[in-house]
């Protein structure tokens, strides 16, 4: 499992091919478990692992009504890790606590370094970078990561760095590095004005502020709430990239609302895609058109109403929830919501801050992006879910079994 986790993080950060290797290594870790026959049942008892498997099973069923069988087979291959990665974390010999901290450190410090490297590109020519933001473009990371996924990774680095600082397993110098990484991630998000990353960052901070207020930590809750309001305003005042991002976003929406030419406006094209998807969903609301047929269905609907868009600008819907309904109807949406929110119904997972912040970041990012449409976004979701949620559920189930198993008297204890 150690090798699978390192490969998974390396695939996220730099070497895309390791995204494909990590699930294979995970399966090998399952086969290497000396107690495989005994532990294989852990997978079926791990409810967190079964929700991704249910998504894969539903995708298999959609083959009965899909029209693009070649695309359906491709989707099945792309979603196989949704069964194999949770299987690995539910059945393989679990990582030791220090190994888990090391994996978290690799992700947090690695993402922060990528953020700083990308910032260096900005400071080499800030004028050009600001102009690119003005016309709706984003500065690409130094490694081949889609900027929306990178924004979510930076937000996870901010929260993960602050949480890992609290672990007793980290020496003082590493705790300092975690703090530096968190600050670097937040700075990168603001200076480069990644919209999705900023959205999920402040959604997480607001959720934590509300939790503090509900727990009667009034002073801390109010202070954090003020920060959530003041920090964006300070960024808007001080950073030209943020001002340009806000102005260009408002201008984008206005072009759509006024019925102007929207071929060159990102947000306006996304709004047109929402309207297009809505027309399809109204006709196929129960089980959708099939995940493999969403692109064909969108193209067909654009023929009826194209919003003046050239074919190259007729984009897919950028919302995971809408995409789930489009491809799978209310059944597909229900499976997605169960994957995201079932863990929060369990007290032991709800008390785990790593789980809560990960799910919040992913659920918020899904409002503005179809995170499973790209290989790297899908890998971030399922690897993070398995590493945090499935592993935590597996540890909880093991603890319950240990408590329910009678312990034999130790031969070192003298009988009375």
Protein backbone atom coordinates (compact mmCIF):
# COMPACT_ATOMS: atom_id res chain seq x y z
CA UNK A 1 0.00 0.00 0.00
CA UNK A 2 2.94 2.29 0.67
CA UNK A 3 3.99 2.11 -2.99
CA UNK A 4 0.42 2.54 -4.23
CA UNK A 5 -0.04 5.72 -2.18
CA UNK A 6 3.24 7.24 -3.29
CA UNK A 7 2.41 6.44 -6.90
CA UNK A 8 -1.04 7.96 -6.46
CA UNK A 9 0.32 11.23 -5.10
CA UNK A 10 3.12 11.37 -7.68
CA UNK A 11 0.52 10.88 -10.40
CA UNK A 12 -1.44 13.84 -9.06
CA UNK A 13 1.59 16.10 -8.82
CA UNK A 14 3.68 15.43 -11.87
CA UNK A 15 3.85 12.05 -13.61
CA UNK A 16 0.42 11.31 -15.06
CA UNK A 17 1.20 7.70 -15.95
CA UNK A 18 1.42 6.85 -12.24
CA UNK A 19 -2.29 7.60 -12.00
CA UNK A 20 -2.80 4.35 -13.90
CA UNK A 21 -0.10 2.44 -12.00
CA UNK A 22 -1.41 3.25 -8.51
CA UNK A 23 -4.61 1.10 -8.69
CA UNK A 24 -2.60 -1.83 -10.05
CA UNK A 25 -0.11 -1.58 -7.19
CA UNK A 26 -3.05 -1.38 -4.79
CA UNK A 27 -4.49 -4.64 -6.13
CA UNK A 28 -1.07 -6.28 -5.74
CA UNK A 29 -1.06 -5.08 -2.12
CA UNK A 30 -4.41 -6.81 -1.62
CA UNK A 31 -3.06 -10.06 -3.08
CA UNK A 32 0.02 -9.77 -0.84
CA UNK A 33 -2.10 -9.69 2.31
CA UNK A 34 -1.17 -12.90 4.17
CA UNK A 35 -4.70 -13.03 5.62
CA UNK A 36 -6.50 -12.35 2.35
CA UNK A 37 -9.12 -15.09 2.78
CA UNK A 38 -10.05 -13.75 6.18
CA UNK A 39 -9.91 -10.05 5.26
CA UNK A 40 -11.62 -10.07 1.85
CA UNK A 41 -14.95 -9.80 3.63
CA UNK A 42 -13.83 -6.44 5.01
CA UNK A 43 -14.54 -4.94 1.61
CA UNK A 44 -18.21 -5.91 1.71
CA UNK A 45 -18.54 -4.74 5.32
CA UNK A 46 -16.96 -1.38 4.51
CA UNK A 47 -19.93 0.76 3.51
CA UNK A 48 -17.71 3.62 2.40
CA UNK A 49 -16.08 1.31 -0.16
CA UNK A 50 -19.42 0.06 -1.48
CA UNK A 51 -20.72 3.45 -2.68
CA UNK A 52 -18.05 3.83 -5.40
CA UNK A 53 -18.68 0.19 -6.34
CA UNK A 54 -22.41 0.96 -6.65
CA UNK A 55 -21.55 3.81 -9.03
CA UNK A 56 -19.54 1.40 -11.18
CA UNK A 57 -22.38 -1.16 -11.07
CA UNK A 58 -24.90 1.46 -12.20
CA UNK A 59 -22.58 2.41 -15.06
CA UNK A 60 -22.54 -1.26 -16.04
CA UNK A 61 -26.36 -1.31 -16.08
CA UNK A 62 -26.53 1.77 -18.31
CA UNK A 63 -25.08 -0.38 -21.06
CA UNK A 64 -28.59 -1.75 -21.48
CA UNK A 65 -29.85 1.56 -22.91
CA UNK A 66 -26.76 3.42 -24.11
CA UNK A 67 -26.33 3.98 -27.84
CA UNK A 68 -22.56 4.48 -27.76
CA UNK A 69 -21.30 1.05 -26.75
CA UNK A 70 -17.68 1.88 -27.56
CA UNK A 71 -17.87 4.95 -25.34
CA UNK A 72 -19.61 2.91 -22.64
CA UNK A 73 -16.80 0.33 -22.63
CA UNK A 74 -14.28 3.17 -22.37
CA UNK A 75 -16.19 4.63 -19.41
CA UNK A 76 -16.13 1.24 -17.68
CA UNK A 77 -12.35 1.08 -18.00
CA UNK A 78 -12.01 4.64 -16.70
CA UNK A 79 -14.15 3.86 -13.66
CA UNK A 80 -12.52 0.54 -12.71
CA UNK A 81 -10.38 2.29 -10.06
CA UNK A 82 -13.65 3.15 -8.28
CA UNK A 83 -13.74 -0.52 -7.30
CA UNK A 84 -10.04 -1.39 -7.08
CA UNK A 85 -8.75 1.62 -5.09
CA UNK A 86 -11.34 1.33 -2.27
CA UNK A 87 -10.76 -2.45 -2.32
CA UNK A 88 -7.08 -1.86 -1.63
CA UNK A 89 -7.71 0.40 1.36
CA UNK A 90 -10.37 -1.93 2.76
CA UNK A 91 -8.51 -5.24 2.42
CA UNK A 92 -4.73 -4.71 2.12
CA UNK A 93 -2.54 -4.48 5.20
CA UNK A 94 -3.16 -0.89 6.35
CA UNK A 95 -0.51 1.78 6.45
CA UNK A 96 1.14 2.55 9.76
CA UNK A 97 0.31 5.98 11.24
CA UNK A 98 3.75 7.35 10.32
CA UNK A 99 3.31 6.14 6.75
CA UNK A 100 -0.04 7.91 6.51
CA UNK A 101 1.54 11.13 7.76
CA UNK A 102 4.33 10.71 5.20
CA UNK A 103 1.80 10.34 2.37
CA UNK A 104 -0.03 13.44 3.58
CA UNK A 105 3.27 15.34 3.80
CA UNK A 106 4.19 14.27 0.26
CA UNK A 107 0.89 15.65 -1.06
CA UNK A 108 0.89 18.87 0.99
CA UNK A 109 4.53 19.80 0.47
CA UNK A 110 4.54 18.69 -3.16
CA UNK A 111 1.45 20.72 -4.05
CA UNK A 112 2.81 23.77 -2.23
CA UNK A 113 6.07 23.50 -4.21
CA UNK A 114 4.11 23.33 -7.46
CA UNK A 115 2.18 26.40 -6.37
CA UNK A 116 5.36 28.34 -5.65
CA UNK A 117 6.89 27.23 -8.97
CA UNK A 118 3.76 28.41 -10.79
CA UNK A 119 3.90 31.71 -8.88
CA UNK A 120 7.44 32.21 -10.14
CA UNK A 121 6.07 32.16 -13.69
CA UNK A 122 3.67 34.90 -12.72
CA UNK A 123 6.35 37.13 -11.21
CA UNK A 124 8.51 36.80 -14.31
CA UNK A 125 5.85 38.73 -16.26
CA UNK A 126 2.98 39.88 -14.02
CA UNK A 127 1.60 42.25 -16.66
CA UNK A 128 0.98 39.49 -19.21
CA UNK A 129 -0.43 37.20 -16.55
CA UNK A 130 -2.88 39.88 -15.38
CA UNK A 131 -3.96 40.53 -18.97
CA UNK A 132 -4.58 36.81 -19.45
CA UNK A 133 -6.82 36.83 -16.37
CA UNK A 134 -8.68 39.85 -17.77
CA UNK A 135 -9.70 37.87 -20.85
CA UNK A 136 -10.73 34.85 -18.77
CA UNK A 137 -7.63 32.69 -19.02
CA UNK A 138 -5.80 30.95 -16.18
CA UNK A 139 -2.10 30.49 -15.63
CA UNK A 140 -1.37 26.79 -16.14
CA UNK A 141 0.57 24.94 -13.42
CA UNK A 142 4.16 23.97 -14.15
CA UNK A 143 3.13 20.32 -14.46
CA UNK A 144 0.24 19.03 -16.62
CA UNK A 145 -2.59 19.52 -14.11
CA UNK A 146 -5.86 21.13 -15.15
CA UNK A 147 -6.10 24.49 -13.38
CA UNK A 148 -9.46 23.68 -11.76
CA UNK A 149 -8.12 20.46 -10.26
CA UNK A 150 -4.97 22.32 -9.20
CA UNK A 151 -7.08 24.93 -7.42
CA UNK A 152 -8.85 22.20 -5.45
CA UNK A 153 -5.49 20.60 -4.61
CA UNK A 154 -4.19 23.93 -3.31
CA UNK A 155 -7.26 24.31 -1.09
CA UNK A 156 -6.76 20.76 0.22
CA UNK A 157 -3.11 21.64 0.86
CA UNK A 158 -4.15 24.66 2.92
CA UNK A 159 -6.47 22.64 5.15
CA UNK A 160 -4.24 19.56 5.17
CA UNK A 161 -1.16 21.56 6.14
CA UNK A 162 -2.93 23.16 9.09
CA UNK A 163 -4.33 19.81 10.26
CA UNK A 164 -1.04 17.93 9.91
CA UNK A 165 0.66 20.56 12.08
CA UNK A 166 -1.34 19.15 14.99
CA UNK A 167 -0.09 15.57 14.71
CA UNK A 168 2.32 14.40 17.38
CA UNK A 169 4.08 12.23 14.78
CA UNK A 170 5.54 15.26 13.00
CA UNK A 171 8.77 16.76 14.37
CA UNK A 172 8.87 20.54 14.94
CA UNK A 173 10.71 21.27 11.67
CA UNK A 174 8.06 19.36 9.70
CA UNK A 175 5.24 21.19 11.47
CA UNK A 176 6.86 24.45 10.41
CA UNK A 177 7.00 23.21 6.82
CA UNK A 178 3.31 22.31 6.99
CA UNK A 179 2.51 25.88 8.06
CA UNK A 180 4.65 27.32 5.27
CA UNK A 181 2.92 25.03 2.77
CA UNK A 182 -0.52 26.17 3.92
CA UNK A 183 0.46 29.84 3.57
CA UNK A 184 2.02 29.18 0.15
CA UNK A 185 -1.13 27.42 -1.07
CA UNK A 186 -3.39 30.28 0.05
CA UNK A 187 -1.07 32.87 -1.50
CA UNK A 188 -0.98 30.99 -4.80
CA UNK A 189 -4.77 30.78 -4.95
CA UNK A 190 -5.16 34.51 -4.37
CA UNK A 191 -2.35 35.82 -6.56
CA UNK A 192 -3.24 33.59 -9.51
CA UNK A 193 -6.98 34.11 -8.85
CA UNK A 194 -8.06 30.52 -9.40
CA UNK A 195 -11.85 30.88 -9.08
CA UNK A 196 -12.67 27.30 -8.12
CA UNK A 197 -9.81 27.06 -5.64
CA UNK A 198 -10.84 30.31 -3.93
CA UNK A 199 -14.46 29.18 -3.81
CA UNK A 200 -13.66 25.91 -2.06
CA UNK A 201 -11.10 27.58 0.23
CA UNK A 202 -13.62 30.09 1.57
CA UNK A 203 -16.40 27.51 1.67
CA UNK A 204 -14.20 25.44 3.99
CA UNK A 205 -13.34 28.43 6.17
CA UNK A 206 -17.00 29.45 6.40
CA UNK A 207 -18.07 25.91 7.32
CA UNK A 208 -15.43 25.80 10.06
CA UNK A 209 -16.55 29.20 11.35
CA UNK A 210 -20.13 27.97 11.57
CA UNK A 211 -18.98 24.85 13.39
CA UNK A 212 -17.12 26.97 15.93
CA UNK A 213 -20.22 29.09 16.52
CA UNK A 214 -22.41 26.00 16.96
CA UNK A 215 -19.92 24.62 19.48
CA UNK A 216 -20.18 27.88 21.46
CA UNK A 217 -16.67 29.03 20.57
CA UNK A 218 -18.12 32.46 19.90
CA UNK A 219 -14.94 34.53 19.85
CA UNK A 220 -13.09 32.20 17.46
CA UNK A 221 -16.18 31.73 15.29
CA UNK A 222 -16.80 35.46 14.95
CA UNK A 223 -13.11 36.14 14.28
CA UNK A 224 -13.00 33.54 11.51
CA UNK A 225 -16.28 34.83 10.03
CA UNK A 226 -14.82 38.33 9.88
CA UNK A 227 -11.70 36.91 8.21
CA UNK A 228 -13.83 35.12 5.60
CA UNK A 229 -15.38 38.47 4.68
CA UNK A 230 -12.32 40.67 5.06
CA UNK A 231 -9.75 38.50 3.27
CA UNK A 232 -11.52 38.46 -0.14
CA UNK A 233 -12.04 42.21 0.08
CA UNK A 234 -8.37 42.74 0.93
CA UNK A 235 -7.36 40.49 -1.98
CA UNK A 236 -9.67 42.41 -4.33
CA UNK A 237 -8.15 45.71 -3.18
CA UNK A 238 -4.51 44.64 -3.27
CA UNK A 239 -4.24 42.14 -6.14
CA UNK A 240 -4.87 43.22 -9.77
CA UNK A 241 -5.43 39.60 -10.82
CA UNK A 242 -8.35 39.26 -8.39
CA UNK A 243 -9.90 42.55 -9.58
CA UNK A 244 -9.60 41.46 -13.19
CA UNK A 245 -11.04 38.05 -12.40
CA UNK A 246 -14.09 39.58 -10.72
CA UNK A 247 -14.62 42.11 -13.51
CA UNK A 248 -14.25 39.53 -16.28
CA UNK A 249 -16.63 37.13 -14.48
CA UNK A 250 -19.33 39.81 -14.17
CA UNK A 251 -18.84 40.81 -17.80
CA UNK A 252 -19.14 37.15 -18.88
CA UNK A 253 -22.49 36.73 -17.15
CA UNK A 254 -23.79 40.00 -18.59
CA UNK A 255 -23.04 38.85 -22.13
CA UNK A 256 -25.16 35.75 -21.57
CA UNK A 257 -28.00 37.64 -19.89
CA UNK A 258 -28.14 40.25 -22.66
CA UNK A 259 -28.05 37.69 -25.47
CA UNK A 260 -24.78 38.98 -26.93
CA UNK A 261 -22.12 36.96 -28.75
CA UNK A 262 -20.70 34.64 -26.07
CA UNK A 263 -18.15 32.70 -28.13
CA UNK A 264 -15.23 34.27 -26.28
CA UNK A 265 -16.66 34.17 -22.75
CA UNK A 266 -16.06 31.15 -20.54
CA UNK A 267 -18.77 31.64 -17.90
CA UNK A 268 -21.35 32.60 -20.50
CA UNK A 269 -20.67 29.39 -22.44
CA UNK A 270 -21.07 27.41 -19.21
CA UNK A 271 -24.45 29.04 -18.56
CA UNK A 272 -25.53 28.12 -22.09
CA UNK A 273 -24.41 24.53 -21.37
CA UNK A 274 -26.56 24.48 -18.19
CA UNK A 275 -29.60 25.55 -20.20
CA UNK A 276 -28.85 22.95 -22.87
CA UNK A 277 -28.45 20.18 -20.28
CA UNK A 278 -31.69 21.25 -18.57
CA UNK A 279 -33.66 20.65 -21.75
CA UNK A 280 -32.25 17.11 -21.99
CA UNK A 281 -32.80 16.33 -18.32
CA UNK A 282 -36.47 17.31 -18.60
CA UNK A 283 -36.92 14.42 -21.04
CA UNK A 284 -34.65 11.84 -19.36
CA UNK A 285 -34.92 12.61 -15.65
CA UNK A 286 -35.18 9.08 -14.21
CA UNK A 287 -32.10 7.22 -15.48
CA UNK A 288 -30.60 9.81 -17.82
CA UNK A 289 -29.27 9.30 -21.32
CA UNK A 290 -26.37 7.14 -20.11
CA UNK A 291 -22.95 8.51 -19.08
CA UNK A 292 -21.45 7.47 -22.42
CA UNK A 293 -24.11 9.40 -24.37
CA UNK A 294 -23.95 12.78 -22.62
CA UNK A 295 -21.71 14.41 -25.22
CA UNK A 296 -23.84 13.17 -28.12
CA UNK A 297 -27.01 14.34 -26.37
CA UNK A 298 -25.52 17.79 -25.78
CA UNK A 299 -24.44 18.09 -29.42
CA UNK A 300 -27.92 17.11 -30.58
CA UNK A 301 -29.57 19.67 -28.30
CA UNK A 302 -27.17 22.39 -29.48
CA UNK A 303 -28.49 21.78 -32.99
CA UNK A 304 -31.90 22.92 -31.76
CA UNK A 305 -30.56 25.94 -29.88
CA UNK A 306 -26.94 26.89 -30.34
CA UNK A 307 -26.93 30.32 -28.59
CA UNK A 308 -24.91 31.61 -31.53
CA UNK A 309 -21.99 29.42 -30.47
CA UNK A 310 -19.60 27.98 -32.98
CA UNK A 311 -19.32 24.16 -32.65
CA UNK A 312 -15.86 24.44 -31.04
CA UNK A 313 -17.35 26.64 -28.28
CA UNK A 314 -20.34 24.41 -27.50
CA UNK A 315 -18.94 23.18 -24.19
CA UNK A 316 -20.04 20.38 -21.91
CA UNK A 317 -21.76 21.14 -18.62
CA UNK A 318 -19.36 22.24 -15.84
CA UNK A 319 -21.24 20.91 -12.85
CA UNK A 320 -20.85 17.38 -11.50
CA UNK A 321 -24.38 17.25 -10.09
CA UNK A 322 -25.98 18.31 -13.38
CA UNK A 323 -23.71 15.88 -15.25
CA UNK A 324 -24.79 13.08 -12.89
CA UNK A 325 -28.47 13.78 -13.63
CA UNK A 326 -27.76 14.12 -17.34
CA UNK A 327 -26.04 10.75 -17.56
CA UNK A 328 -27.83 8.81 -14.81
CA UNK A 329 -31.00 10.71 -13.91
CA UNK A 330 -32.11 10.88 -10.30
CA UNK A 331 -30.51 7.45 -9.74
CA UNK A 332 -27.09 8.72 -10.80
CA UNK A 333 -27.49 11.85 -8.72
CA UNK A 334 -28.54 9.79 -5.70
CA UNK A 335 -25.40 7.66 -5.96
CA UNK A 336 -23.20 10.74 -6.18
CA UNK A 337 -24.86 12.34 -3.16
CA UNK A 338 -24.53 9.10 -1.20
CA UNK A 339 -20.82 8.97 -2.02
CA UNK A 340 -20.32 12.52 -0.77
CA UNK A 341 -22.67 12.73 2.18
CA UNK A 342 -23.10 9.21 3.59
CA UNK A 343 -19.82 9.55 5.53
CA UNK A 344 -21.24 12.59 7.31
CA UNK A 345 -24.06 10.44 8.70
CA UNK A 346 -21.51 8.37 10.64
CA UNK A 347 -20.35 9.90 13.93
CA UNK A 348 -16.79 8.58 13.75
CA UNK A 349 -16.29 9.97 10.23
CA UNK A 350 -18.05 13.22 11.05
CA UNK A 351 -15.54 13.78 13.86
CA UNK A 352 -12.61 13.27 11.46
CA UNK A 353 -11.55 16.75 10.22
CA UNK A 354 -9.55 15.32 7.30
CA UNK A 355 -12.66 13.54 6.00
CA UNK A 356 -14.90 16.57 6.50
CA UNK A 357 -12.63 19.05 4.74
CA UNK A 358 -11.96 16.66 1.84
CA UNK A 359 -15.64 16.01 1.24
CA UNK A 360 -16.47 19.72 1.55
CA UNK A 361 -13.80 20.70 -0.96
CA UNK A 362 -14.92 18.06 -3.47
CA UNK A 363 -18.65 18.75 -3.01
CA UNK A 364 -18.10 22.49 -3.48
CA UNK A 365 -15.84 22.05 -6.51
CA UNK A 366 -18.56 19.93 -8.11
CA UNK A 367 -20.81 22.98 -8.19
CA UNK A 368 -18.60 24.63 -10.80
CA UNK A 369 -16.84 21.73 -12.51
CA UNK A 370 -17.49 18.18 -13.66
CA UNK A 371 -14.57 16.78 -11.66
CA UNK A 372 -14.87 13.22 -13.03
CA UNK A 373 -14.73 14.33 -16.67
CA UNK A 374 -10.93 14.49 -16.58
CA UNK A 375 -8.66 11.64 -15.54
CA UNK A 376 -6.72 13.69 -12.98
CA UNK A 377 -9.86 15.07 -11.30
CA UNK A 378 -11.40 11.61 -11.07
CA UNK A 379 -8.16 10.25 -9.58
CA UNK A 380 -8.05 13.01 -6.96
CA UNK A 381 -11.61 12.20 -5.94
CA UNK A 382 -11.31 8.43 -5.66
CA UNK A 383 -7.76 8.33 -4.25
CA UNK A 384 -8.55 10.95 -1.62
CA UNK A 385 -11.87 9.27 -0.79
CA UNK A 386 -10.25 5.87 -0.36
CA UNK A 387 -7.19 7.15 1.54
CA UNK A 388 -9.30 9.17 3.99
CA UNK A 389 -12.86 7.81 4.11
CA UNK A 390 -12.51 4.12 3.24
CA UNK A 391 -9.39 3.72 5.40
CA UNK A 392 -11.08 5.47 8.34
CA UNK A 393 -14.13 3.22 8.01
CA UNK A 394 -11.86 0.15 7.81
CA UNK A 395 -10.05 1.21 11.00
CA UNK A 396 -13.40 1.78 12.74
CA UNK A 397 -14.69 -1.65 11.71
CA UNK A 398 -11.47 -3.29 12.92
CA UNK A 399 -11.76 -1.51 16.27
CA UNK A 400 -15.36 -2.68 16.67
CA UNK A 401 -14.36 -6.29 15.94
CA UNK A 402 -11.53 -6.08 18.47
CA UNK A 403 -13.91 -4.82 21.15
CA UNK A 404 -16.41 -7.58 20.41
CA UNK A 405 -13.80 -10.37 20.39
CA UNK A 406 -13.17 -11.98 23.81
CA UNK A 407 -9.52 -11.73 24.76
CA UNK A 408 -7.71 -14.80 26.10
CA UNK A 409 -6.04 -14.43 29.47
CA UNK A 410 -2.36 -13.68 29.17
CA UNK A 411 -0.08 -16.50 30.39
CA UNK A 412 1.99 -13.83 32.14
CA UNK A 413 -0.88 -12.93 34.41
CA UNK A 414 -0.97 -14.94 37.59
CA UNK A 415 -4.28 -16.59 38.31
CA UNK A 416 -5.93 -15.54 41.53
